[in-house]
Structure formats: structure tokens, C-alpha cells
Amino acid sequence: MRIGLIIVGIVLLGLGVWIATGKPTYPSTETPIKFGQLEVKTTVQKPVPAPIGYAGIVVGGVLILAGALKKK
């Protein structure tokens, strides 16, 4: 159980840092113009919000500490 908490914590910590640096993006489709049946759609790449990365860092750190301090 301890090893599992530590491994999950390390993965979450790494993903949190990656997201917080602003590297990952996701596609978002928008319709800026709509006139009757005619629609103009655009797809843009938006960055994943940094607070999600910060939350991953915090949760990952807590899991690492919980795994390290847990008694056998």
C-alpha cells in the first residue's frame, strides 16, 4: 500500500508540474459566426488551466508524504 501511494504521488506530481508549465493543450471547437443554416466553426488549441497543475502538485505531494510516513 505504501509503495502504491508513493508511485501514484510521483505520477501526479510529475503531471502537475507538466500542466503547470503550460505545455499541454486540448482542442476546442467554437462557432463564431452563425447565419441561418450557415455556420463557421473553428478549432483552436487551448492550454490546460494552470490551477489544475497546481492541484496535481499538492495532491501528489500529500500522497508521497502519506506513503512515506505510513506505518507498516
N, C-alpha and C. Protein backbone atom coordinates (compact mmCIF):
# COMPACT_ATOMS: atom_id res chain seq x y z
N MET A 1 0.82 -1.20 0.00
CA MET A 1 0.00 0.00 0.00
C MET A 1 0.87 1.26 0.00
N ARG A 2 1.95 1.23 0.78
CA ARG A 2 2.84 2.39 0.84
C ARG A 2 3.45 2.69 -0.52
N ILE A 3 3.93 1.65 -1.17
CA ILE A 3 4.57 1.83 -2.48
C ILE A 3 3.56 2.38 -3.48
N GLY A 4 2.32 1.88 -3.41
CA GLY A 4 1.28 2.36 -4.31
C GLY A 4 1.01 3.85 -4.13
N LEU A 5 0.94 4.30 -2.88
CA LEU A 5 0.71 5.72 -2.62
C LEU A 5 1.87 6.57 -3.14
N ILE A 6 3.08 6.09 -2.93
CA ILE A 6 4.25 6.84 -3.36
C ILE A 6 4.31 6.92 -4.89
N ILE A 7 4.02 5.82 -5.57
CA ILE A 7 4.07 5.80 -7.03
C ILE A 7 3.00 6.71 -7.62
N VAL A 8 1.78 6.62 -7.10
CA VAL A 8 0.70 7.48 -7.59
C VAL A 8 1.03 8.95 -7.30
N GLY A 9 1.61 9.21 -6.14
CA GLY A 9 2.00 10.57 -5.79
C GLY A 9 3.05 11.13 -6.74
N ILE A 10 4.04 10.30 -7.09
CA ILE A 10 5.08 10.75 -8.02
C ILE A 10 4.49 11.04 -9.40
N VAL A 11 3.58 10.18 -9.85
CA VAL A 11 2.95 10.39 -11.16
C VAL A 11 2.14 11.68 -11.16
N LEU A 12 1.33 11.89 -10.11
CA LEU A 12 0.53 13.12 -10.03
C LEU A 12 1.41 14.36 -9.92
N LEU A 13 2.48 14.26 -9.18
CA LEU A 13 3.40 15.38 -9.05
C LEU A 13 4.02 15.73 -10.40
N GLY A 14 4.46 14.72 -11.13
CA GLY A 14 5.04 14.96 -12.45
C GLY A 14 4.05 15.55 -13.43
N LEU A 15 2.84 15.00 -13.45
CA LEU A 15 1.81 15.55 -14.34
C LEU A 15 1.43 16.97 -13.95
N GLY A 16 1.39 17.23 -12.64
CA GLY A 16 1.07 18.58 -12.17
C GLY A 16 2.10 19.60 -12.62
N VAL A 17 3.37 19.24 -12.54
CA VAL A 17 4.43 20.14 -13.00
C VAL A 17 4.32 20.36 -14.50
N TRP A 18 4.06 19.28 -15.24
CA TRP A 18 3.94 19.39 -16.70
C TRP A 18 2.78 20.31 -17.08
N ILE A 19 1.65 20.17 -16.39
CA ILE A 19 0.48 21.00 -16.70
C ILE A 19 0.73 22.44 -16.26
N ALA A 20 1.36 22.64 -15.10
CA ALA A 20 1.59 23.99 -14.58
C ALA A 20 2.53 24.79 -15.47
N THR A 21 3.42 24.12 -16.20
CA THR A 21 4.34 24.83 -17.09
C THR A 21 3.65 25.29 -18.37
N GLY A 22 2.43 24.84 -18.62
CA GLY A 22 1.67 25.31 -19.77
C GLY A 22 1.91 24.55 -21.06
N LYS A 23 2.48 23.36 -20.98
CA LYS A 23 2.79 22.60 -22.19
C LYS A 23 1.57 21.92 -22.83
N PRO A 24 0.71 21.24 -22.06
CA PRO A 24 -0.39 20.50 -22.70
C PRO A 24 -1.52 21.42 -23.18
N THR A 25 -2.14 21.03 -24.29
CA THR A 25 -3.28 21.75 -24.83
C THR A 25 -4.38 20.75 -25.18
N TYR A 26 -5.58 21.28 -25.38
CA TYR A 26 -6.70 20.46 -25.83
C TYR A 26 -7.46 21.22 -26.91
N PRO A 27 -8.07 20.48 -27.87
CA PRO A 27 -8.80 21.17 -28.93
C PRO A 27 -10.17 21.66 -28.45
N SER A 28 -10.54 22.84 -28.89
CA SER A 28 -11.84 23.41 -28.55
C SER A 28 -12.48 23.94 -29.84
N THR A 29 -13.71 23.50 -30.11
CA THR A 29 -14.43 23.93 -31.31
C THR A 29 -15.39 25.05 -30.94
N GLU A 30 -15.31 26.14 -31.68
CA GLU A 30 -16.18 27.30 -31.43
C GLU A 30 -16.92 27.66 -32.71
N THR A 31 -18.09 28.28 -32.56
CA THR A 31 -18.86 28.77 -33.70
C THR A 31 -18.95 30.29 -33.59
N PRO A 32 -17.99 31.01 -34.20
CA PRO A 32 -18.02 32.47 -34.08
C PRO A 32 -19.10 33.14 -34.92
N ILE A 33 -19.49 32.53 -36.05
CA ILE A 33 -20.49 33.13 -36.94
C ILE A 33 -21.57 32.10 -37.25
N LYS A 34 -22.82 32.50 -37.04
CA LYS A 34 -23.95 31.62 -37.38
C LYS A 34 -25.02 32.51 -38.01
N PHE A 35 -25.33 32.20 -39.29
CA PHE A 35 -26.31 32.98 -40.03
C PHE A 35 -27.27 32.01 -40.69
N GLY A 36 -28.41 31.76 -40.04
CA GLY A 36 -29.37 30.79 -40.56
C GLY A 36 -28.76 29.39 -40.53
N GLN A 37 -28.74 28.73 -41.70
CA GLN A 37 -28.16 27.39 -41.80
C GLN A 37 -26.64 27.43 -41.95
N LEU A 38 -26.10 28.59 -42.24
CA LEU A 38 -24.66 28.73 -42.47
C LEU A 38 -23.93 28.95 -41.15
N GLU A 39 -22.96 28.10 -40.88
CA GLU A 39 -22.16 28.21 -39.67
C GLU A 39 -20.68 28.18 -40.03
N VAL A 40 -19.92 28.98 -39.33
CA VAL A 40 -18.47 28.95 -39.46
C VAL A 40 -17.92 28.42 -38.13
N LYS A 41 -17.24 27.27 -38.20
CA LYS A 41 -16.68 26.68 -37.00
C LYS A 41 -15.16 26.73 -37.06
N THR A 42 -14.57 27.00 -35.92
CA THR A 42 -13.11 27.00 -35.83
C THR A 42 -12.69 26.07 -34.69
N THR A 43 -11.54 25.47 -34.86
CA THR A 43 -10.97 24.63 -33.81
C THR A 43 -9.65 25.26 -33.39
N VAL A 44 -9.56 25.56 -32.11
CA VAL A 44 -8.34 26.18 -31.57
C VAL A 44 -7.77 25.28 -30.48
N GLN A 45 -6.47 25.39 -30.27
CA GLN A 45 -5.81 24.66 -29.21
C GLN A 45 -5.73 25.56 -27.98
N LYS A 46 -6.37 25.14 -26.90
CA LYS A 46 -6.35 25.92 -25.67
C LYS A 46 -5.46 25.23 -24.64
N PRO A 47 -4.73 26.00 -23.85
CA PRO A 47 -3.89 25.38 -22.81
C PRO A 47 -4.74 24.88 -21.64
N VAL A 48 -4.27 23.83 -21.00
CA VAL A 48 -4.94 23.34 -19.79
C VAL A 48 -4.69 24.37 -18.69
N PRO A 49 -5.71 24.75 -17.92
CA PRO A 49 -5.53 25.77 -16.88
C PRO A 49 -4.47 25.38 -15.85
N ALA A 50 -3.64 26.34 -15.49
CA ALA A 50 -2.55 26.09 -14.54
C ALA A 50 -3.03 25.64 -13.16
N PRO A 51 -4.17 26.12 -12.62
CA PRO A 51 -4.59 25.65 -11.30
C PRO A 51 -4.81 24.13 -11.23
N ILE A 52 -5.13 23.50 -12.34
CA ILE A 52 -5.25 22.04 -12.35
C ILE A 52 -3.88 21.42 -12.09
N GLY A 53 -2.85 22.00 -12.67
CA GLY A 53 -1.49 21.53 -12.42
C GLY A 53 -1.08 21.74 -10.97
N TYR A 54 -1.44 22.91 -10.41
CA TYR A 54 -1.10 23.18 -9.02
C TYR A 54 -1.78 22.17 -8.09
N ALA A 55 -3.02 21.84 -8.39
CA ALA A 55 -3.74 20.86 -7.58
C ALA A 55 -3.07 19.49 -7.68
N GLY A 56 -2.61 19.12 -8.86
CA GLY A 56 -1.90 17.85 -9.02
C GLY A 56 -0.61 17.82 -8.22
N ILE A 57 0.10 18.95 -8.18
CA ILE A 57 1.33 19.03 -7.40
C ILE A 57 1.03 18.84 -5.91
N VAL A 58 0.00 19.51 -5.42
CA VAL A 58 -0.34 19.42 -4.00
C VAL A 58 -0.80 18.01 -3.64
N VAL A 59 -1.71 17.45 -4.43
CA VAL A 59 -2.22 16.11 -4.13
C VAL A 59 -1.09 15.08 -4.25
N GLY A 60 -0.25 15.21 -5.25
CA GLY A 60 0.88 14.29 -5.39
C GLY A 60 1.83 14.37 -4.20
N GLY A 61 2.12 15.59 -3.74
CA GLY A 61 2.99 15.74 -2.57
C GLY A 61 2.38 15.14 -1.32
N VAL A 62 1.07 15.33 -1.14
CA VAL A 62 0.40 14.76 0.03
C VAL A 62 0.44 13.23 -0.03
N LEU A 63 0.22 12.66 -1.21
CA LEU A 63 0.26 11.20 -1.33
C LEU A 63 1.66 10.65 -1.07
N ILE A 64 2.69 11.35 -1.55
CA ILE A 64 4.06 10.91 -1.29
C ILE A 64 4.35 10.95 0.20
N LEU A 65 3.96 12.03 0.86
CA LEU A 65 4.17 12.12 2.30
C LEU A 65 3.38 11.06 3.07
N ALA A 66 2.13 10.83 2.66
CA ALA A 66 1.32 9.81 3.31
C ALA A 66 1.93 8.43 3.15
N GLY A 67 2.46 8.14 1.97
CA GLY A 67 3.09 6.85 1.76
C GLY A 67 4.39 6.71 2.50
N ALA A 68 5.15 7.80 2.62
CA ALA A 68 6.43 7.74 3.32
C ALA A 68 6.26 7.67 4.83
N LEU A 69 5.22 8.30 5.38
CA LEU A 69 5.03 8.35 6.82
C LEU A 69 4.13 7.25 7.35
N LYS A 70 3.50 6.49 6.48
CA LYS A 70 2.56 5.45 6.91
C LYS A 70 3.32 4.30 7.55
N LYS A 71 2.81 3.84 8.69
CA LYS A 71 3.44 2.71 9.36
C LYS A 71 3.05 1.42 8.68
N LYS A 72 3.92 0.43 8.79
CA LYS A 72 3.66 -0.86 8.15
C LYS A 72 2.57 -1.61 8.80
